[in-house]
Amino acid sequence: ATREHDGTTFYFCSTSCAETFDADPHRYGHGQAHTAHHGH
């Protein structure tokens, strides 16, 4: 799954992780990796 935010494409391992991003996209700023994979 992918999402666009502020001109950046974010890639996620699952739709669930993308939905977590949708709820708080600013949490993923500054190019930090998506490392939490809880609830898969």
PDB file of N, CA and C in Angstrom:
ATOM      1  N   ALA A   1       0.849  -1.187   0.000  1.00  0.00           N
ATOM      2  CA  ALA A   1       0.000   0.000   0.000  1.00  0.00           C
ATOM      3  C   ALA A   1       0.889   1.243   0.000  1.00  0.00           C
ATOM      4  N   THR A   2       0.448   2.278  -0.654  1.00  0.00           N
ATOM      5  CA  THR A   2       1.184   3.543  -0.677  1.00  0.00           C
ATOM      6  C   THR A   2       0.247   4.686  -0.326  1.00  0.00           C
ATOM      7  N   ARG A   3       0.859   5.750   0.169  1.00  0.00           N
ATOM      8  CA  ARG A   3       0.134   6.983   0.451  1.00  0.00           C
ATOM      9  C   ARG A   3       1.018   8.154   0.038  1.00  0.00           C
ATOM     10  N   GLU A   4       0.395   9.227  -0.404  1.00  0.00           N
ATOM     11  CA  GLU A   4       1.081  10.476  -0.725  1.00  0.00           C
ATOM     12  C   GLU A   4       0.783  11.475   0.382  1.00  0.00           C
ATOM     13  N   HIS A   5       1.826  12.184   0.851  1.00  0.00           N
ATOM     14  CA  HIS A   5       1.629  13.207   1.870  1.00  0.00           C
ATOM     15  C   HIS A   5       2.726  14.250   1.719  1.00  0.00           C
ATOM     16  N   ASP A   6       2.343  15.502   1.591  1.00  0.00           N
ATOM     17  CA  ASP A   6       3.289  16.618   1.447  1.00  0.00           C
ATOM     18  C   ASP A   6       4.328  16.358   0.359  1.00  0.00           C
ATOM     19  N   GLY A   7       3.896  15.766  -0.754  1.00  0.00           N
ATOM     20  CA  GLY A   7       4.791  15.538  -1.876  1.00  0.00           C
ATOM     21  C   GLY A   7       5.700  14.334  -1.736  1.00  0.00           C
ATOM     22  N   THR A   8       5.509  13.524  -0.720  1.00  0.00           N
ATOM     23  CA  THR A   8       6.327  12.339  -0.494  1.00  0.00           C
ATOM     24  C   THR A   8       5.452  11.101  -0.596  1.00  0.00           C
ATOM     25  N   THR A   9       5.981  10.061  -1.231  1.00  0.00           N
ATOM     26  CA  THR A   9       5.280   8.785  -1.292  1.00  0.00           C
ATOM     27  C   THR A   9       5.764   7.912  -0.148  1.00  0.00           C
ATOM     28  N   PHE A  10       4.826   7.382   0.611  1.00  0.00           N
ATOM     29  CA  PHE A  10       5.125   6.472   1.709  1.00  0.00           C
ATOM     30  C   PHE A  10       4.657   5.078   1.310  1.00  0.00           C
ATOM     31  N   TYR A  11       5.481   4.078   1.583  1.00  0.00           N
ATOM     32  CA  TYR A  11       5.178   2.693   1.241  1.00  0.00           C
ATOM     33  C   TYR A  11       4.943   1.904   2.524  1.00  0.00           C
ATOM     34  N   PHE A  12       3.915   1.076   2.516  1.00  0.00           N
ATOM     35  CA  PHE A  12       3.543   0.308   3.703  1.00  0.00           C
ATOM     36  C   PHE A  12       3.435  -1.165   3.363  1.00  0.00           C
ATOM     37  N   CYS A  13       3.663  -1.986   4.375  1.00  0.00           N
ATOM     38  CA  CYS A  13       3.644  -3.435   4.189  1.00  0.00           C
ATOM     39  C   CYS A  13       2.233  -3.983   4.070  1.00  0.00           C
ATOM     40  N   SER A  14       1.243  -3.213   4.500  1.00  0.00           N
ATOM     41  CA  SER A  14      -0.133  -3.700   4.467  1.00  0.00           C
ATOM     42  C   SER A  14      -1.103  -2.524   4.453  1.00  0.00           C
ATOM     43  N   THR A  15      -2.334  -2.810   4.114  1.00  0.00           N
ATOM     44  CA  THR A  15      -3.380  -1.792   4.158  1.00  0.00           C
ATOM     45  C   THR A  15      -3.583  -1.305   5.581  1.00  0.00           C
ATOM     46  N   SER A  16      -3.469  -2.208   6.545  1.00  0.00           N
ATOM     47  CA  SER A  16      -3.627  -1.837   7.953  1.00  0.00           C
ATOM     48  C   SER A  16      -2.601  -0.783   8.364  1.00  0.00           C
ATOM     49  N   CYS A  17      -1.364  -0.956   7.955  1.00  0.00           N
ATOM     50  CA  CYS A  17      -0.329   0.026   8.285  1.00  0.00           C
ATOM     51  C   CYS A  17      -0.596   1.355   7.574  1.00  0.00           C
ATOM     52  N   ALA A  18      -1.086   1.299   6.350  1.00  0.00           N
ATOM     53  CA  ALA A  18      -1.429   2.524   5.626  1.00  0.00           C
ATOM     54  C   ALA A  18      -2.566   3.257   6.330  1.00  0.00           C
ATOM     55  N   GLU A  19      -3.525   2.523   6.859  1.00  0.00           N
ATOM     56  CA  GLU A  19      -4.631   3.147   7.583  1.00  0.00           C
ATOM     57  C   GLU A  19      -4.152   3.787   8.885  1.00  0.00           C
ATOM     58  N   THR A  20      -3.164   3.184   9.533  1.00  0.00           N
ATOM     59  CA  THR A  20      -2.565   3.793  10.722  1.00  0.00           C
ATOM     60  C   THR A  20      -1.906   5.112  10.342  1.00  0.00           C
ATOM     61  N   PHE A  21      -1.227   5.133   9.208  1.00  0.00           N
ATOM     62  CA  PHE A  21      -0.633   6.362   8.689  1.00  0.00           C
ATOM     63  C   PHE A  21      -1.702   7.414   8.428  1.00  0.00           C
ATOM     64  N   ASP A  22      -2.809   7.007   7.811  1.00  0.00           N
ATOM     65  CA  ASP A  22      -3.894   7.938   7.499  1.00  0.00           C
ATOM     66  C   ASP A  22      -4.405   8.650   8.748  1.00  0.00           C
ATOM     67  N   ALA A  23      -4.403   7.949   9.878  1.00  0.00           N
ATOM     68  CA  ALA A  23      -4.909   8.518  11.124  1.00  0.00           C
ATOM     69  C   ALA A  23      -3.989   9.604  11.677  1.00  0.00           C
ATOM     70  N   ASP A  24      -2.672   9.533  11.389  1.00  0.00           N
ATOM     71  CA  ASP A  24      -1.719  10.503  11.933  1.00  0.00           C
ATOM     72  C   ASP A  24      -0.486  10.597  11.030  1.00  0.00           C
ATOM     73  N   PRO A  25      -0.619  11.154   9.832  1.00  0.00           N
ATOM     74  CA  PRO A  25       0.502  11.164   8.890  1.00  0.00           C
ATOM     75  C   PRO A  25       1.709  11.970   9.361  1.00  0.00           C
ATOM     76  N   HIS A  26       1.516  12.946  10.219  1.00  0.00           N
ATOM     77  CA  HIS A  26       2.647  13.760  10.684  1.00  0.00           C
ATOM     78  C   HIS A  26       3.604  12.951  11.553  1.00  0.00           C
ATOM     79  N   ARG A  27       3.136  11.868  12.092  1.00  0.00           N
ATOM     80  CA  ARG A  27       3.985  10.980  12.893  1.00  0.00           C
ATOM     81  C   ARG A  27       5.125  10.405  12.049  1.00  0.00           C
ATOM     82  N   TYR A  28       4.934  10.346  10.738  1.00  0.00           N
ATOM     83  CA  TYR A  28       5.894   9.713   9.845  1.00  0.00           C
ATOM     84  C   TYR A  28       6.781  10.720   9.125  1.00  0.00           C
ATOM     85  N   GLY A  29       6.846  11.932   9.600  1.00  0.00           N
ATOM     86  CA  GLY A  29       7.640  12.966   8.958  1.00  0.00           C
ATOM     87  C   GLY A  29       9.130  12.730   9.081  1.00  0.00           C
ATOM     88  N   HIS A  30       9.884  13.546   8.392  1.00  0.00           N
ATOM     89  CA  HIS A  30      11.346  13.553   8.453  1.00  0.00           C
ATOM     90  C   HIS A  30      11.969  12.250   7.978  1.00  0.00           C
ATOM     91  N   GLY A  31      11.259  11.496   7.125  1.00  0.00           N
ATOM     92  CA  GLY A  31      11.850  10.308   6.514  1.00  0.00           C
ATOM     93  C   GLY A  31      12.107   9.155   7.454  1.00  0.00           C
ATOM     94  N   GLN A  32      11.494   9.152   8.610  1.00  0.00           N
ATOM     95  CA  GLN A  32      11.721   8.054   9.538  1.00  0.00           C
ATOM     96  C   GLN A  32      11.031   6.801   9.037  1.00  0.00           C
ATOM     97  N   ALA A  33      11.668   5.683   9.260  1.00  0.00           N
ATOM     98  CA  ALA A  33      11.147   4.404   8.789  1.00  0.00           C
ATOM     99  C   ALA A  33       9.927   3.974   9.585  1.00  0.00           C
ATOM    100  N   HIS A  34       9.095   3.218   8.932  1.00  0.00           N
ATOM    101  CA  HIS A  34       7.922   2.617   9.558  1.00  0.00           C
ATOM    102  C   HIS A  34       8.391   1.302  10.170  1.00  0.00           C
ATOM    103  N   THR A  35       8.609   1.284  11.483  1.00  0.00           N
ATOM    104  CA  THR A  35       9.207   0.108  12.107  1.00  0.00           C
ATOM    105  C   THR A  35       8.249  -0.684  12.971  1.00  0.00           C
ATOM    106  N   ALA A  36       7.127  -0.137  13.349  1.00  0.00           N
ATOM    107  CA  ALA A  36       6.191  -0.853  14.213  1.00  0.00           C
ATOM    108  C   ALA A  36       5.201  -1.640  13.365  1.00  0.00           C
ATOM    109  N   HIS A  37       5.172  -2.924  13.574  1.00  0.00           N
ATOM    110  CA  HIS A  37       4.278  -3.791  12.809  1.00  0.00           C
ATOM    111  C   HIS A  37       3.376  -4.572  13.748  1.00  0.00           C
ATOM    112  N   HIS A  38       2.739  -3.893  14.655  1.00  0.00           N
ATOM    113  CA  HIS A  38       1.854  -4.544  15.606  1.00  0.00           C
ATOM    114  C   HIS A  38       0.500  -4.795  14.966  1.00  0.00           C
ATOM    115  N   GLY A  39      -0.085  -5.921  15.294  1.00  0.00           N
ATOM    116  CA  GLY A  39      -1.441  -6.190  14.868  1.00  0.00           C
ATOM    117  C   GLY A  39      -1.601  -6.765  13.478  1.00  0.00           C
ATOM    118  N   HIS A  40      -0.528  -7.297  12.905  1.00  0.00           N
ATOM    119  CA  HIS A  40      -0.662  -7.919  11.581  1.00  0.00           C
ATOM    120  C   HIS A  40      -1.326  -9.251  11.724  1.00  0.00           C
TER     121      HIS A  40
END
